[in-house]
């Protein structure tokens, strides 16, 4: 399961428009080997895992779920940078920008 903070929920609601859910995934790349990816989507795919937290529906493919189980999604709009942050207990190493990780 992925949880979200109140700040992340607020930003997701502002960006969502007509999408039914937030797709959270992991893809190869970035300076640490794996990168986080967020998209809005309306179509479920075979094997998708569905979660809801704070009335925000999130969907992950099974591979991404294995890397992201227990992760918290936050949003920062402070002086040190603006954007979504992943607090991932499965990451053994993260890059300085926080956009990629390794396990």
N, C-alpha and C. Protein backbone atom coordinates (compact mmCIF):
# COMPACT_ATOMS: atom_id res chain seq x y z
N UNK A 1 0.83 -1.19 0.00
CA UNK A 1 0.00 0.00 0.00
C UNK A 1 0.88 1.25 0.00
N UNK A 2 0.42 2.26 -0.67
CA UNK A 2 1.06 3.57 -0.67
C UNK A 2 0.15 4.53 0.06
N UNK A 3 0.73 5.37 0.90
CA UNK A 3 -0.05 6.39 1.60
C UNK A 3 0.36 7.76 1.06
N UNK A 4 -0.49 8.75 1.28
CA UNK A 4 -0.18 10.10 0.84
C UNK A 4 -0.39 11.08 1.98
N UNK A 5 0.35 12.16 1.97
CA UNK A 5 0.18 13.20 2.97
C UNK A 5 -0.94 14.14 2.52
N UNK A 6 -1.38 14.98 3.42
CA UNK A 6 -2.42 15.96 3.09
C UNK A 6 -1.96 16.92 1.99
N UNK A 7 -0.69 17.32 2.02
CA UNK A 7 -0.17 18.22 0.99
C UNK A 7 -0.17 17.56 -0.38
N UNK A 8 0.20 16.27 -0.43
CA UNK A 8 0.18 15.54 -1.70
C UNK A 8 -1.25 15.39 -2.20
N UNK A 9 -2.17 15.10 -1.31
CA UNK A 9 -3.57 14.97 -1.70
C UNK A 9 -4.08 16.27 -2.33
N UNK A 10 -3.79 17.38 -1.70
CA UNK A 10 -4.23 18.68 -2.19
C UNK A 10 -3.68 18.95 -3.59
N UNK A 11 -2.40 18.67 -3.82
CA UNK A 11 -1.80 18.92 -5.12
C UNK A 11 -2.36 17.97 -6.17
N UNK A 12 -2.57 16.71 -5.83
CA UNK A 12 -3.15 15.73 -6.75
C UNK A 12 -4.54 16.17 -7.18
N UNK A 13 -5.34 16.64 -6.24
CA UNK A 13 -6.70 17.08 -6.57
C UNK A 13 -6.68 18.27 -7.51
N UNK A 14 -5.71 19.16 -7.38
CA UNK A 14 -5.60 20.32 -8.27
C UNK A 14 -5.19 19.91 -9.69
N UNK A 15 -4.39 18.86 -9.80
CA UNK A 15 -3.86 18.44 -11.09
C UNK A 15 -4.72 17.39 -11.81
N UNK A 16 -5.55 16.68 -11.10
CA UNK A 16 -6.20 15.48 -11.62
C UNK A 16 -7.12 15.71 -12.81
N UNK A 17 -7.89 16.72 -12.88
CA UNK A 17 -8.86 17.01 -13.93
C UNK A 17 -9.82 15.84 -14.12
N UNK A 18 -9.84 15.21 -15.30
CA UNK A 18 -10.83 14.17 -15.60
C UNK A 18 -10.35 12.75 -15.35
N UNK A 19 -9.16 12.57 -14.84
CA UNK A 19 -8.62 11.23 -14.63
C UNK A 19 -9.30 10.55 -13.45
N UNK A 20 -9.43 9.24 -13.55
CA UNK A 20 -10.06 8.45 -12.49
C UNK A 20 -9.11 8.12 -11.35
N UNK A 21 -7.82 8.00 -11.67
CA UNK A 21 -6.88 7.62 -10.62
C UNK A 21 -5.47 8.07 -10.96
N UNK A 22 -4.60 7.98 -9.95
CA UNK A 22 -3.19 8.30 -10.07
C UNK A 22 -2.43 6.99 -10.28
N UNK A 23 -1.68 6.90 -11.37
CA UNK A 23 -0.85 5.72 -11.61
C UNK A 23 0.56 6.03 -11.10
N UNK A 24 1.02 5.20 -10.17
CA UNK A 24 2.34 5.34 -9.58
C UNK A 24 3.18 4.17 -10.08
N UNK A 25 4.37 4.46 -10.60
CA UNK A 25 5.17 3.36 -11.14
C UNK A 25 6.66 3.63 -10.98
N UNK A 26 7.41 2.59 -11.27
CA UNK A 26 8.87 2.62 -11.24
C UNK A 26 9.35 2.22 -12.63
N UNK A 27 10.35 2.93 -13.13
CA UNK A 27 10.95 2.56 -14.41
C UNK A 27 12.46 2.62 -14.28
N UNK A 28 13.15 1.90 -15.14
CA UNK A 28 14.60 1.93 -15.13
C UNK A 28 15.12 3.29 -15.55
N UNK A 29 16.18 3.76 -14.92
CA UNK A 29 16.78 5.03 -15.28
C UNK A 29 17.12 5.86 -14.07
N UNK A 30 17.58 7.04 -14.31
CA UNK A 30 17.98 7.92 -13.21
C UNK A 30 19.38 7.59 -12.74
N UNK A 31 19.94 8.43 -11.92
CA UNK A 31 21.32 8.24 -11.49
C UNK A 31 21.49 7.11 -10.48
N UNK A 32 20.40 6.61 -9.90
CA UNK A 32 20.52 5.50 -8.95
C UNK A 32 19.98 4.18 -9.50
N UNK A 33 19.47 4.19 -10.73
CA UNK A 33 19.04 2.94 -11.35
C UNK A 33 17.56 2.80 -11.59
N UNK A 34 16.73 3.31 -10.69
CA UNK A 34 15.27 3.24 -10.83
C UNK A 34 14.68 4.63 -10.60
N UNK A 35 13.68 4.98 -11.38
CA UNK A 35 13.04 6.29 -11.26
C UNK A 35 11.57 6.15 -10.91
N UNK A 36 11.07 7.10 -10.14
CA UNK A 36 9.64 7.17 -9.83
C UNK A 36 8.90 7.84 -10.99
N UNK A 37 7.67 7.42 -11.20
CA UNK A 37 6.86 8.04 -12.25
C UNK A 37 5.42 8.18 -11.76
N UNK A 38 4.82 9.34 -11.99
CA UNK A 38 3.42 9.61 -11.65
C UNK A 38 2.68 10.02 -12.92
N UNK A 39 1.51 9.45 -13.13
CA UNK A 39 0.65 9.79 -14.26
C UNK A 39 -0.79 9.72 -13.80
N UNK A 40 -1.65 10.43 -14.49
CA UNK A 40 -3.08 10.27 -14.28
C UNK A 40 -3.60 9.34 -15.37
N UNK A 41 -4.56 8.47 -15.02
CA UNK A 41 -5.01 7.45 -15.96
C UNK A 41 -6.49 7.15 -15.74
N UNK A 42 -7.10 6.56 -16.74
CA UNK A 42 -8.50 6.14 -16.66
C UNK A 42 -8.68 4.65 -16.95
N UNK A 43 -7.61 3.97 -17.38
CA UNK A 43 -7.73 2.56 -17.77
C UNK A 43 -6.90 1.67 -16.89
N UNK A 44 -7.53 0.64 -16.32
CA UNK A 44 -6.81 -0.36 -15.55
C UNK A 44 -6.16 -1.34 -16.52
N UNK A 45 -5.00 -1.85 -16.14
CA UNK A 45 -4.29 -2.85 -16.94
C UNK A 45 -4.28 -4.16 -16.16
N UNK A 46 -4.09 -5.25 -16.88
CA UNK A 46 -4.05 -6.57 -16.26
C UNK A 46 -2.95 -6.62 -15.20
N UNK A 47 -3.29 -7.04 -14.00
CA UNK A 47 -2.32 -7.15 -12.91
C UNK A 47 -2.18 -5.91 -12.05
N UNK A 48 -2.91 -4.84 -12.36
CA UNK A 48 -2.82 -3.62 -11.56
C UNK A 48 -3.28 -3.87 -10.13
N UNK A 49 -2.60 -3.22 -9.20
CA UNK A 49 -2.97 -3.25 -7.79
C UNK A 49 -3.60 -1.90 -7.47
N UNK A 50 -4.78 -1.92 -6.85
CA UNK A 50 -5.51 -0.68 -6.56
C UNK A 50 -5.48 -0.39 -5.06
N UNK A 51 -5.26 0.89 -4.73
CA UNK A 51 -5.24 1.35 -3.34
C UNK A 51 -5.95 2.69 -3.26
N UNK A 52 -6.41 3.01 -2.07
CA UNK A 52 -6.99 4.32 -1.84
C UNK A 52 -6.54 4.83 -0.49
N UNK A 53 -6.13 6.08 -0.45
CA UNK A 53 -5.76 6.73 0.80
C UNK A 53 -6.24 8.17 0.73
N UNK A 54 -6.89 8.61 1.77
CA UNK A 54 -7.42 9.98 1.84
C UNK A 54 -8.29 10.30 0.61
N UNK A 55 -9.07 9.32 0.18
CA UNK A 55 -10.00 9.45 -0.94
C UNK A 55 -9.31 9.67 -2.28
N UNK A 56 -8.03 9.33 -2.38
CA UNK A 56 -7.30 9.39 -3.64
C UNK A 56 -7.03 7.95 -4.08
N UNK A 57 -7.55 7.59 -5.25
CA UNK A 57 -7.35 6.25 -5.78
C UNK A 57 -6.02 6.21 -6.52
N UNK A 58 -5.21 5.18 -6.18
CA UNK A 58 -3.90 4.99 -6.80
C UNK A 58 -3.82 3.59 -7.36
N UNK A 59 -3.12 3.44 -8.47
CA UNK A 59 -2.96 2.16 -9.14
C UNK A 59 -1.48 1.94 -9.42
N UNK A 60 -1.00 0.72 -9.17
CA UNK A 60 0.38 0.34 -9.44
C UNK A 60 0.39 -0.97 -10.19
N UNK A 61 1.33 -1.12 -11.13
CA UNK A 61 1.52 -2.43 -11.73
C UNK A 61 2.25 -3.28 -10.69
N UNK A 62 2.24 -4.60 -10.86
CA UNK A 62 2.78 -5.50 -9.84
C UNK A 62 4.28 -5.28 -9.62
N UNK A 63 5.06 -5.05 -10.68
CA UNK A 63 6.51 -4.82 -10.52
C UNK A 63 6.76 -3.58 -9.67
N UNK A 64 6.03 -2.51 -9.95
CA UNK A 64 6.20 -1.28 -9.19
C UNK A 64 5.77 -1.46 -7.74
N UNK A 65 4.70 -2.23 -7.53
CA UNK A 65 4.23 -2.48 -6.17
C UNK A 65 5.32 -3.13 -5.33
N UNK A 66 6.08 -4.05 -5.91
CA UNK A 66 7.15 -4.73 -5.17
C UNK A 66 8.21 -3.74 -4.69
N UNK A 67 8.49 -2.71 -5.47
CA UNK A 67 9.47 -1.69 -5.09
C UNK A 67 8.89 -0.61 -4.18
N UNK A 68 7.58 -0.38 -4.24
CA UNK A 68 6.99 0.78 -3.56
C UNK A 68 6.10 0.44 -2.36
N UNK A 69 5.94 -0.82 -2.02
CA UNK A 69 5.09 -1.18 -0.88
C UNK A 69 5.57 -0.45 0.38
N UNK A 70 4.66 0.23 1.05
CA UNK A 70 4.98 0.96 2.27
C UNK A 70 5.46 2.39 2.05
N UNK A 71 5.48 2.84 0.81
CA UNK A 71 5.97 4.18 0.48
C UNK A 71 4.94 5.25 0.82
N UNK A 72 5.41 6.41 1.24
CA UNK A 72 4.55 7.57 1.47
C UNK A 72 4.86 8.61 0.40
N UNK A 73 3.81 9.15 -0.21
CA UNK A 73 3.96 10.20 -1.21
C UNK A 73 3.66 11.54 -0.55
N UNK A 74 4.59 12.47 -0.68
CA UNK A 74 4.46 13.79 -0.08
C UNK A 74 4.64 14.83 -1.18
N UNK A 75 4.30 16.07 -0.87
CA UNK A 75 4.53 17.18 -1.79
C UNK A 75 5.18 18.31 -1.02
N UNK A 76 6.23 18.88 -1.63
CA UNK A 76 6.95 19.99 -1.01
C UNK A 76 6.87 21.20 -1.92
N UNK A 77 6.61 22.34 -1.33
CA UNK A 77 6.62 23.58 -2.11
C UNK A 77 7.51 24.61 -1.44
N UNK A 78 8.53 24.12 -0.77
CA UNK A 78 9.43 25.00 -0.03
C UNK A 78 10.57 25.54 -0.86
N UNK A 79 11.48 26.21 -0.21
CA UNK A 79 12.63 26.84 -0.86
C UNK A 79 13.62 25.82 -1.41
N UNK A 80 13.64 24.62 -0.85
CA UNK A 80 14.59 23.60 -1.29
C UNK A 80 14.10 22.83 -2.51
N UNK A 81 13.01 23.22 -3.08
CA UNK A 81 12.50 22.53 -4.26
C UNK A 81 11.02 22.26 -4.15
N UNK A 82 10.41 22.18 -5.30
CA UNK A 82 8.98 21.97 -5.37
C UNK A 82 8.72 20.67 -6.12
N UNK A 83 7.83 19.85 -5.58
CA UNK A 83 7.48 18.62 -6.28
C UNK A 83 7.09 17.52 -5.32
N UNK A 84 6.74 16.39 -5.92
CA UNK A 84 6.37 15.21 -5.15
C UNK A 84 7.63 14.51 -4.65
N UNK A 85 7.55 14.01 -3.42
CA UNK A 85 8.66 13.29 -2.80
C UNK A 85 8.17 11.91 -2.39
N UNK A 86 9.01 10.91 -2.62
CA UNK A 86 8.69 9.54 -2.22
C UNK A 86 9.52 9.18 -1.01
N UNK A 87 8.86 8.80 0.08
CA UNK A 87 9.55 8.30 1.26
C UNK A 87 9.40 6.79 1.20
N UNK A 88 10.45 6.15 0.66
CA UNK A 88 10.39 4.73 0.31
C UNK A 88 11.26 3.91 1.26
N UNK A 89 10.63 3.09 2.13
CA UNK A 89 11.42 2.29 3.06
C UNK A 89 12.19 1.16 2.38
N UNK A 90 11.90 0.87 1.12
CA UNK A 90 12.57 -0.20 0.39
C UNK A 90 13.85 0.27 -0.29
N UNK A 91 14.06 1.56 -0.40
CA UNK A 91 15.23 2.10 -1.09
C UNK A 91 16.46 1.99 -0.20
N UNK A 92 17.51 1.39 -0.75
CA UNK A 92 18.76 1.31 0.00
C UNK A 92 19.62 2.54 -0.26
N UNK A 93 19.35 3.21 -1.40
CA UNK A 93 20.12 4.39 -1.77
C UNK A 93 19.24 5.27 -2.64
N UNK A 94 19.30 6.58 -2.44
CA UNK A 94 18.57 7.53 -3.26
C UNK A 94 19.54 8.58 -3.78
N UNK A 95 19.21 9.15 -4.93
CA UNK A 95 20.07 10.20 -5.47
C UNK A 95 19.78 11.51 -4.75
N UNK A 96 20.61 12.49 -4.97
CA UNK A 96 20.47 13.78 -4.30
C UNK A 96 19.18 14.50 -4.65
N UNK A 97 18.68 14.31 -5.87
CA UNK A 97 17.46 15.01 -6.27
C UNK A 97 16.20 14.30 -5.78
N UNK A 98 16.32 13.04 -5.32
CA UNK A 98 15.19 12.30 -4.80
C UNK A 98 14.28 11.71 -5.87
N UNK A 99 14.71 11.77 -7.12
CA UNK A 99 13.88 11.25 -8.20
C UNK A 99 14.23 9.83 -8.62
N UNK A 100 15.33 9.29 -8.10
CA UNK A 100 15.69 7.91 -8.41
C UNK A 100 16.23 7.23 -7.16
N UNK A 101 16.25 5.89 -7.23
CA UNK A 101 16.65 5.10 -6.06
C UNK A 101 17.16 3.74 -6.52
N UNK A 102 17.72 3.00 -5.59
CA UNK A 102 18.10 1.61 -5.84
C UNK A 102 17.70 0.80 -4.61
N UNK A 103 17.60 -0.51 -4.81
CA UNK A 103 17.24 -1.41 -3.71
C UNK A 103 18.32 -2.44 -3.50
